[in-house]
Amino acid sequence: MAKFISIKTDGGDVLLNGDGCATVSIASSTVIHYHFLAGTTGDVAAITYTGGAALGVLLRDAINYALTANPGGIVAKVKVPSGLAVSGIVVS
């Protein structure tokens, strides 16, 4: 698993802790939740996107792929699906 994943947003690239990810889930047709392991700063990163629910499934899958595609690596880039734009990521 990569130590960090990088997601391109409208405001630039955002790094999320890859080692600290518990799961990735679809919260709605415009938001994906990136759940951190217990005991880490912030519980959830809300990844807001445009492009519709079907592309959200592809984004979730791309995030999961990035988490596992680079064993022992430092940073893995998430390949954002064509037609989808990540407008922001908020950790709370």
C-alpha atoms as a PDB file:
ATOM      1  CA  MET A   1       0.000   0.000   0.000  1.00  0.00           C
ATOM      2  CA  ALA A   2       1.239   3.467  -0.864  1.00  0.00           C
ATOM      3  CA  LYS A   3       1.953   5.772   2.068  1.00  0.00           C
ATOM      4  CA  PHE A   4      -0.045   8.540   0.360  1.00  0.00           C
ATOM      5  CA  ILE A   5      -2.433   8.867  -2.553  1.00  0.00           C
ATOM      6  CA  SER A   6      -2.613  12.025  -4.661  1.00  0.00           C
ATOM      7  CA  ILE A   7      -5.952  13.192  -6.071  1.00  0.00           C
ATOM      8  CA  LYS A   8      -6.099  16.002  -8.633  1.00  0.00           C
ATOM      9  CA  THR A   9      -8.730  18.601  -7.705  1.00  0.00           C
ATOM     10  CA  ASP A  10      -9.807  21.913  -9.209  1.00  0.00           C
ATOM     11  CA  GLY A  11      -7.519  23.590  -6.644  1.00  0.00           C
ATOM     12  CA  GLY A  12      -4.478  21.356  -7.238  1.00  0.00           C
ATOM     13  CA  ASP A  13      -3.272  17.970  -6.041  1.00  0.00           C
ATOM     14  CA  VAL A  14      -4.334  16.808  -2.563  1.00  0.00           C
ATOM     15  CA  LEU A  15      -2.469  14.105  -0.622  1.00  0.00           C
ATOM     16  CA  LEU A  16      -4.334  11.667   1.633  1.00  0.00           C
ATOM     17  CA  ASN A  17      -2.745   9.164   4.001  1.00  0.00           C
ATOM     18  CA  GLY A  18      -2.834   5.786   2.275  1.00  0.00           C
ATOM     19  CA  ASP A  19      -1.612   3.812   5.291  1.00  0.00           C
ATOM     20  CA  GLY A  20      -4.427   5.298   7.376  1.00  0.00           C
ATOM     21  CA  CYS A  21      -7.313   4.410   5.078  1.00  0.00           C
ATOM     22  CA  ALA A  22      -9.908   2.003   6.444  1.00  0.00           C
ATOM     23  CA  THR A  23     -12.350   2.070   3.514  1.00  0.00           C
ATOM     24  CA  VAL A  24     -13.686   4.147   0.636  1.00  0.00           C
ATOM     25  CA  SER A  25     -17.457   4.477   0.217  1.00  0.00           C
ATOM     26  CA  ILE A  26     -19.947   6.356  -1.927  1.00  0.00           C
ATOM     27  CA  ALA A  27     -21.957   8.757   0.229  1.00  0.00           C
ATOM     28  CA  SER A  28     -24.094  10.283  -2.547  1.00  0.00           C
ATOM     29  CA  SER A  29     -24.091  10.981  -6.284  1.00  0.00           C
ATOM     30  CA  THR A  30     -21.570  13.805  -5.693  1.00  0.00           C
ATOM     31  CA  VAL A  31     -19.562  12.740  -2.607  1.00  0.00           C
ATOM     32  CA  ILE A  32     -17.191   9.865  -1.817  1.00  0.00           C
ATOM     33  CA  HIS A  33     -16.092   9.242   1.765  1.00  0.00           C
ATOM     34  CA  TYR A  34     -12.488   8.255   2.439  1.00  0.00           C
ATOM     35  CA  HIS A  35     -12.609   6.746   5.946  1.00  0.00           C
ATOM     36  CA  PHE A  36      -9.489   6.936   8.098  1.00  0.00           C
ATOM     37  CA  LEU A  37      -8.506   4.321  10.681  1.00  0.00           C
ATOM     38  CA  ALA A  38      -9.491   5.050  14.287  1.00  0.00           C
ATOM     39  CA  GLY A  39      -7.026   7.219  16.154  1.00  0.00           C
ATOM     40  CA  THR A  40      -5.900   9.299  13.183  1.00  0.00           C
ATOM     41  CA  THR A  41      -6.540  12.991  12.634  1.00  0.00           C
ATOM     42  CA  GLY A  42     -10.008  13.460  11.172  1.00  0.00           C
ATOM     43  CA  ASP A  43     -12.336  10.565  10.635  1.00  0.00           C
ATOM     44  CA  VAL A  44     -13.495  11.114   7.069  1.00  0.00           C
ATOM     45  CA  ALA A  45     -12.368  12.992   3.982  1.00  0.00           C
ATOM     46  CA  ALA A  46     -15.359  14.033   1.880  1.00  0.00           C
ATOM     47  CA  ILE A  47     -14.345  14.046  -1.789  1.00  0.00           C
ATOM     48  CA  THR A  48     -16.803  16.178  -3.756  1.00  0.00           C
ATOM     49  CA  TYR A  49     -17.041  15.627  -7.501  1.00  0.00           C
ATOM     50  CA  THR A  50     -19.119  16.404 -10.570  1.00  0.00           C
ATOM     51  CA  GLY A  51     -19.952  14.003 -13.364  1.00  0.00           C
ATOM     52  CA  GLY A  52     -22.702  11.823 -11.913  1.00  0.00           C
ATOM     53  CA  ALA A  53     -23.131   8.682  -9.871  1.00  0.00           C
ATOM     54  CA  ALA A  54     -21.792   6.267 -12.505  1.00  0.00           C
ATOM     55  CA  LEU A  55     -18.482   8.147 -12.673  1.00  0.00           C
ATOM     56  CA  GLY A  56     -18.419   8.226  -8.860  1.00  0.00           C
ATOM     57  CA  VAL A  57     -18.236   4.438  -8.873  1.00  0.00           C
ATOM     58  CA  LEU A  58     -15.264   4.648 -11.239  1.00  0.00           C
ATOM     59  CA  LEU A  59     -13.588   7.240  -8.992  1.00  0.00           C
ATOM     60  CA  ARG A  60     -14.059   5.018  -5.938  1.00  0.00           C
ATOM     61  CA  ASP A  61     -12.534   2.119  -7.859  1.00  0.00           C
ATOM     62  CA  ALA A  62      -9.612   4.323  -8.996  1.00  0.00           C
ATOM     63  CA  ILE A  63      -8.937   5.344  -5.386  1.00  0.00           C
ATOM     64  CA  ASN A  64      -8.972   1.718  -4.265  1.00  0.00           C
ATOM     65  CA  TYR A  65      -6.638   0.802  -7.118  1.00  0.00           C
ATOM     66  CA  ALA A  66      -4.194   3.579  -6.188  1.00  0.00           C
ATOM     67  CA  LEU A  67      -4.164   2.369  -2.577  1.00  0.00           C
ATOM     68  CA  THR A  68      -3.084  -1.137  -3.591  1.00  0.00           C
ATOM     69  CA  ALA A  69      -1.187  -0.586  -6.860  1.00  0.00           C
ATOM     70  CA  ASN A  70       2.054   0.729  -5.380  1.00  0.00           C
ATOM     71  CA  PRO A  71       3.135  -1.624  -2.576  1.00  0.00           C
ATOM     72  CA  GLY A  72       5.807  -0.004  -0.468  1.00  0.00           C
ATOM     73  CA  GLY A  73       5.689   3.169  -2.541  1.00  0.00           C
ATOM     74  CA  ILE A  74       5.499   6.702  -1.235  1.00  0.00           C
ATOM     75  CA  VAL A  75       2.842   8.371  -3.432  1.00  0.00           C
ATOM     76  CA  ALA A  76       0.348   6.795  -5.842  1.00  0.00           C
ATOM     77  CA  LYS A  77      -1.662   9.043  -8.162  1.00  0.00           C
ATOM     78  CA  VAL A  78      -5.393   8.437  -8.553  1.00  0.00           C
ATOM     79  CA  LYS A  79      -6.375   8.368 -12.228  1.00  0.00           C
ATOM     80  CA  VAL A  80      -9.502  10.522 -12.213  1.00  0.00           C
ATOM     81  CA  PRO A  81     -11.997   9.167 -14.777  1.00  0.00           C
ATOM     82  CA  SER A  82     -12.584  11.215 -17.926  1.00  0.00           C
ATOM     83  CA  GLY A  83     -15.650  13.454 -17.600  1.00  0.00           C
ATOM     84  CA  LEU A  84     -15.325  13.708 -13.813  1.00  0.00           C
ATOM     85  CA  ALA A  85     -13.918  16.665 -11.887  1.00  0.00           C
ATOM     86  CA  VAL A  86     -13.011  16.642  -8.204  1.00  0.00           C
ATOM     87  CA  SER A  87     -14.040  20.032  -6.865  1.00  0.00           C
ATOM     88  CA  GLY A  88     -12.756  19.635  -3.331  1.00  0.00           C
ATOM     89  CA  ILE A  89     -11.676  17.422  -0.456  1.00  0.00           C
ATOM     90  CA  VAL A  90     -12.614  18.255   3.138  1.00  0.00           C
ATOM     91  CA  VAL A  91     -11.277  16.275   6.116  1.00  0.00           C
ATOM     92  CA  SER A  92     -13.496  16.327   9.190  1.00  0.00           C
END
